């Protein structure tokens, strides 16, 4: 993966499906549907992020090139699932042997492996609940996460719009007993609309 970001890569979503016969789930099992709770913003969430970030730094030291609080819990005032989303950048997310064992010893569990999609890995921890996304330098998806976060922190209108679609999607997915992937799909159209405004504000569409 390139370390220099191309604006075209940032504004182009790569919805790459798994290769035939391949599962993104580390244990090969589909996640069990669970009730999706979207709750009002909790001011304790930044403290939970700092707690987990320190655990990551203690485990990886200088191998943690960057650690970012992303997702809805990183946006003050935004409703969210009470799960801390963190983006971790390492030198090469594909070289699991140099970062994964340390995180596993620190209590993280590898749940998702997607080498076909930006070499993405996702680990989880239950206390406090966290999704830890691991990327290599120059990943467009990690950049988009930061851009989306910063845009929602500044835009009252889009923050409310995103809150509303999250609540609607959670209600619909819970009523159908769906997994989290269906909840995410229900948000996609509005999510992409907000992204376009963030891209425009950042000058990424001025070409």
Protein backbone atom coordinates (compact mmCIF):
# COMPACT_ATOMS: atom_id res chain seq x y z
CA UNK A 1 0.00 0.00 0.00
CA UNK A 2 1.23 3.47 -0.85
CA UNK A 3 2.13 5.82 1.98
CA UNK A 4 1.18 8.95 0.00
CA UNK A 5 -2.57 9.46 -0.27
CA UNK A 6 -4.09 10.19 -3.67
CA UNK A 7 -7.23 12.39 -3.37
CA UNK A 8 -9.00 10.11 -5.86
CA UNK A 9 -8.43 7.17 -3.53
CA UNK A 10 -9.86 9.09 -0.59
CA UNK A 11 -13.11 10.00 -2.35
CA UNK A 12 -13.59 6.57 -3.95
CA UNK A 13 -15.12 3.90 -1.74
CA UNK A 14 -13.74 0.45 -2.40
CA UNK A 15 -16.58 -1.93 -1.54
CA UNK A 16 -14.54 -5.05 -2.23
CA UNK A 17 -16.33 -8.32 -1.36
CA UNK A 18 -14.44 -11.33 -0.01
CA UNK A 19 -13.01 -13.64 -2.67
CA UNK A 20 -15.23 -16.66 -3.35
CA UNK A 21 -15.03 -19.18 -0.54
CA UNK A 22 -13.31 -16.71 1.82
CA UNK A 23 -14.71 -15.40 5.08
CA UNK A 24 -13.64 -12.11 6.66
CA UNK A 25 -14.25 -13.56 10.10
CA UNK A 26 -11.13 -14.87 11.78
CA UNK A 27 -12.86 -17.93 13.23
CA UNK A 28 -14.88 -18.55 10.05
CA UNK A 29 -18.20 -18.11 11.85
CA UNK A 30 -20.77 -15.43 11.04
CA UNK A 31 -21.46 -13.08 13.98
CA UNK A 32 -24.56 -13.87 16.01
CA UNK A 33 -27.31 -11.22 15.70
CA UNK A 34 -27.54 -9.07 18.82
CA UNK A 35 -29.68 -6.18 19.91
CA UNK A 36 -28.22 -2.86 18.70
CA UNK A 37 -28.35 -0.11 21.30
CA UNK A 38 -27.82 3.45 20.06
CA UNK A 39 -27.64 5.63 23.16
CA UNK A 40 -27.08 9.34 23.88
CA UNK A 41 -23.50 10.57 23.96
CA UNK A 42 -21.68 9.70 27.18
CA UNK A 43 -18.90 12.11 28.23
CA UNK A 44 -17.01 9.16 29.72
CA UNK A 45 -16.27 7.76 26.24
CA UNK A 46 -13.07 9.84 25.70
CA UNK A 47 -11.76 8.46 29.00
CA UNK A 48 -12.52 4.92 27.85
CA UNK A 49 -10.63 5.65 24.63
CA UNK A 50 -7.59 6.93 26.53
CA UNK A 51 -7.67 3.82 28.73
CA UNK A 52 -7.63 1.50 25.71
CA UNK A 53 -5.07 3.62 23.85
CA UNK A 54 -2.69 3.32 26.76
CA UNK A 55 -3.12 -0.45 26.72
CA UNK A 56 -2.23 -0.45 23.02
CA UNK A 57 0.83 1.76 23.55
CA UNK A 58 2.02 -0.42 26.41
CA UNK A 59 1.67 -3.51 24.23
CA UNK A 60 3.24 -2.16 21.04
CA UNK A 61 5.47 0.74 21.99
CA UNK A 62 6.88 2.44 18.89
CA UNK A 63 5.17 -0.11 16.63
CA UNK A 64 1.95 1.83 17.20
CA UNK A 65 2.58 4.53 14.60
CA UNK A 66 -0.71 6.27 15.34
CA UNK A 67 -3.76 5.66 17.51
CA UNK A 68 -6.96 7.60 16.75
CA UNK A 69 -10.35 7.71 18.43
CA UNK A 70 -12.83 7.47 15.54
CA UNK A 71 -16.46 6.53 15.06
CA UNK A 72 -19.48 8.02 16.76
CA UNK A 73 -18.14 7.84 20.31
CA UNK A 74 -15.43 10.31 19.23
CA UNK A 75 -18.03 12.99 18.34
CA UNK A 76 -19.35 14.95 21.33
CA UNK A 77 -23.14 15.12 21.35
CA UNK A 78 -23.68 12.25 18.90
CA UNK A 79 -25.74 9.18 19.76
CA UNK A 80 -23.72 5.99 19.39
CA UNK A 81 -23.44 2.34 20.17
CA UNK A 82 -21.43 2.24 23.44
CA UNK A 83 -18.43 0.68 21.70
CA UNK A 84 -15.18 2.61 21.31
CA UNK A 85 -13.83 2.56 17.75
CA UNK A 86 -10.07 3.03 17.40
CA UNK A 87 -7.87 3.17 14.32
CA UNK A 88 -4.36 1.81 14.84
CA UNK A 89 -1.68 2.27 12.19
CA UNK A 90 1.28 -0.10 12.16
CA UNK A 91 4.12 -0.40 9.66
CA UNK A 92 2.40 -3.27 7.82
CA UNK A 93 -0.94 -4.63 8.97
CA UNK A 94 -0.36 -7.75 6.88
CA UNK A 95 2.69 -8.71 8.99
CA UNK A 96 0.62 -9.91 11.92
CA UNK A 97 3.55 -11.61 13.62
CA UNK A 98 5.09 -8.27 14.61
CA UNK A 99 2.02 -6.71 16.25
CA UNK A 100 -0.80 -9.23 16.79
CA UNK A 101 0.72 -11.43 19.55
CA UNK A 102 1.42 -8.38 21.69
CA UNK A 103 -2.17 -7.19 21.41
CA UNK A 104 -3.53 -10.65 22.11
CA UNK A 105 -1.47 -10.78 25.29
CA UNK A 106 -3.01 -7.42 26.21
CA UNK A 107 -6.49 -8.96 25.97
CA UNK A 108 -7.51 -8.19 22.37
CA UNK A 109 -9.12 -10.85 20.16
CA UNK A 110 -8.73 -10.91 16.37
CA UNK A 111 -12.21 -11.09 14.86
CA UNK A 112 -11.87 -9.83 11.26
CA UNK A 113 -9.12 -10.32 8.66
CA UNK A 114 -9.66 -8.65 5.26
CA UNK A 115 -6.45 -8.71 3.18
CA UNK A 116 -8.51 -7.87 0.05
CA UNK A 117 -9.75 -4.59 1.64
CA UNK A 118 -6.84 -2.34 2.60
CA UNK A 119 -5.27 -5.24 4.56
CA UNK A 120 -7.78 -4.44 7.31
CA UNK A 121 -7.77 -6.28 10.60
CA UNK A 122 -10.23 -5.80 13.46
CA UNK A 123 -9.73 -6.83 17.05
CA UNK A 124 -12.15 -6.53 19.94
CA UNK A 125 -11.96 -6.23 23.68
CA UNK A 126 -14.95 -6.46 26.01
CA UNK A 127 -14.01 -4.21 28.93
CA UNK A 128 -14.45 -1.49 27.95
CA UNK A 129 -16.01 -2.59 24.66
CA UNK A 130 -13.84 -1.65 21.73
CA UNK A 131 -13.39 -2.32 18.02
CA UNK A 132 -9.73 -1.85 17.14
CA UNK A 133 -9.16 -1.39 13.39
CA UNK A 134 -5.60 -1.99 12.20
CA UNK A 135 -4.25 -0.39 9.02
CA UNK A 136 -0.98 0.26 7.22
CA UNK A 137 0.31 3.81 6.58
CA UNK A 138 -1.43 5.72 3.81
CA UNK A 139 -4.74 3.87 4.06
CA UNK A 140 -7.59 5.90 2.51
CA UNK A 141 -10.18 4.34 4.82
CA UNK A 142 -8.33 5.47 7.93
CA UNK A 143 -8.09 8.98 6.48
CA UNK A 144 -11.83 8.96 5.74
CA UNK A 145 -12.56 7.99 9.34
CA UNK A 146 -10.69 11.04 10.65
CA UNK A 147 -12.28 13.34 8.08
CA UNK A 148 -15.78 12.09 8.92
CA UNK A 149 -15.14 12.49 12.65
CA UNK A 150 -13.85 16.04 12.30
CA UNK A 151 -16.69 17.04 9.97
CA UNK A 152 -19.37 15.76 12.36
CA UNK A 153 -17.72 17.55 15.27
CA UNK A 154 -18.25 20.83 13.40
CA UNK A 155 -21.56 20.24 11.57
CA UNK A 156 -24.64 20.36 13.78
CA UNK A 157 -26.91 19.57 10.83
CA UNK A 158 -25.06 16.46 9.68
CA UNK A 159 -24.53 15.30 13.24
CA UNK A 160 -28.32 15.35 13.73
CA UNK A 161 -28.88 13.69 10.36
CA UNK A 162 -26.48 10.90 11.23
CA UNK A 163 -28.05 10.48 14.67
CA UNK A 164 -31.47 10.07 13.09
CA UNK A 165 -30.41 7.43 10.57
CA UNK A 166 -28.56 5.51 13.28
CA UNK A 167 -31.67 5.39 15.46
CA UNK A 168 -33.87 4.41 12.51
CA UNK A 169 -31.44 1.73 11.33
CA UNK A 170 -31.08 0.26 14.82
CA UNK A 171 -34.85 0.06 15.28
CA UNK A 172 -35.32 -1.63 11.91
CA UNK A 173 -32.46 -4.08 12.37
CA UNK A 174 -33.59 -5.00 15.89
CA UNK A 175 -37.15 -5.61 14.68
CA UNK A 176 -35.83 -8.01 12.02
CA UNK A 177 -33.28 -9.72 14.27
CA UNK A 178 -30.43 -8.74 11.96
CA UNK A 179 -26.66 -8.77 12.49
CA UNK A 180 -24.63 -5.57 12.74
CA UNK A 181 -23.77 -5.71 9.03
CA UNK A 182 -27.41 -5.05 8.13
CA UNK A 183 -27.49 -2.07 10.49
CA UNK A 184 -24.41 -0.67 8.77
CA UNK A 185 -25.94 -1.20 5.33
CA UNK A 186 -29.07 0.70 6.36
CA UNK A 187 -26.88 3.73 7.17
CA UNK A 188 -24.78 3.65 4.01
CA UNK A 189 -26.74 6.04 1.78
CA UNK A 190 -26.87 8.82 4.38
CA UNK A 191 -23.29 8.12 5.43
CA UNK A 192 -22.06 8.60 1.86
CA UNK A 193 -24.08 11.81 1.49
CA UNK A 194 -22.37 13.24 4.56
CA UNK A 195 -19.00 12.10 3.27
CA UNK A 196 -19.55 14.03 0.03
CA UNK A 197 -20.06 17.24 1.98
CA UNK A 198 -16.94 16.54 4.04
CA UNK A 199 -14.94 15.82 0.86
CA UNK A 200 -16.15 19.08 -0.68
CA UNK A 201 -15.31 21.08 2.43
CA UNK A 202 -11.79 19.59 2.43
CA UNK A 203 -11.27 20.54 -1.22
CA UNK A 204 -10.96 16.93 -2.30
CA UNK A 205 -13.51 17.36 -5.10
CA UNK A 206 -11.89 20.52 -6.56
CA UNK A 207 -10.15 18.79 -9.43
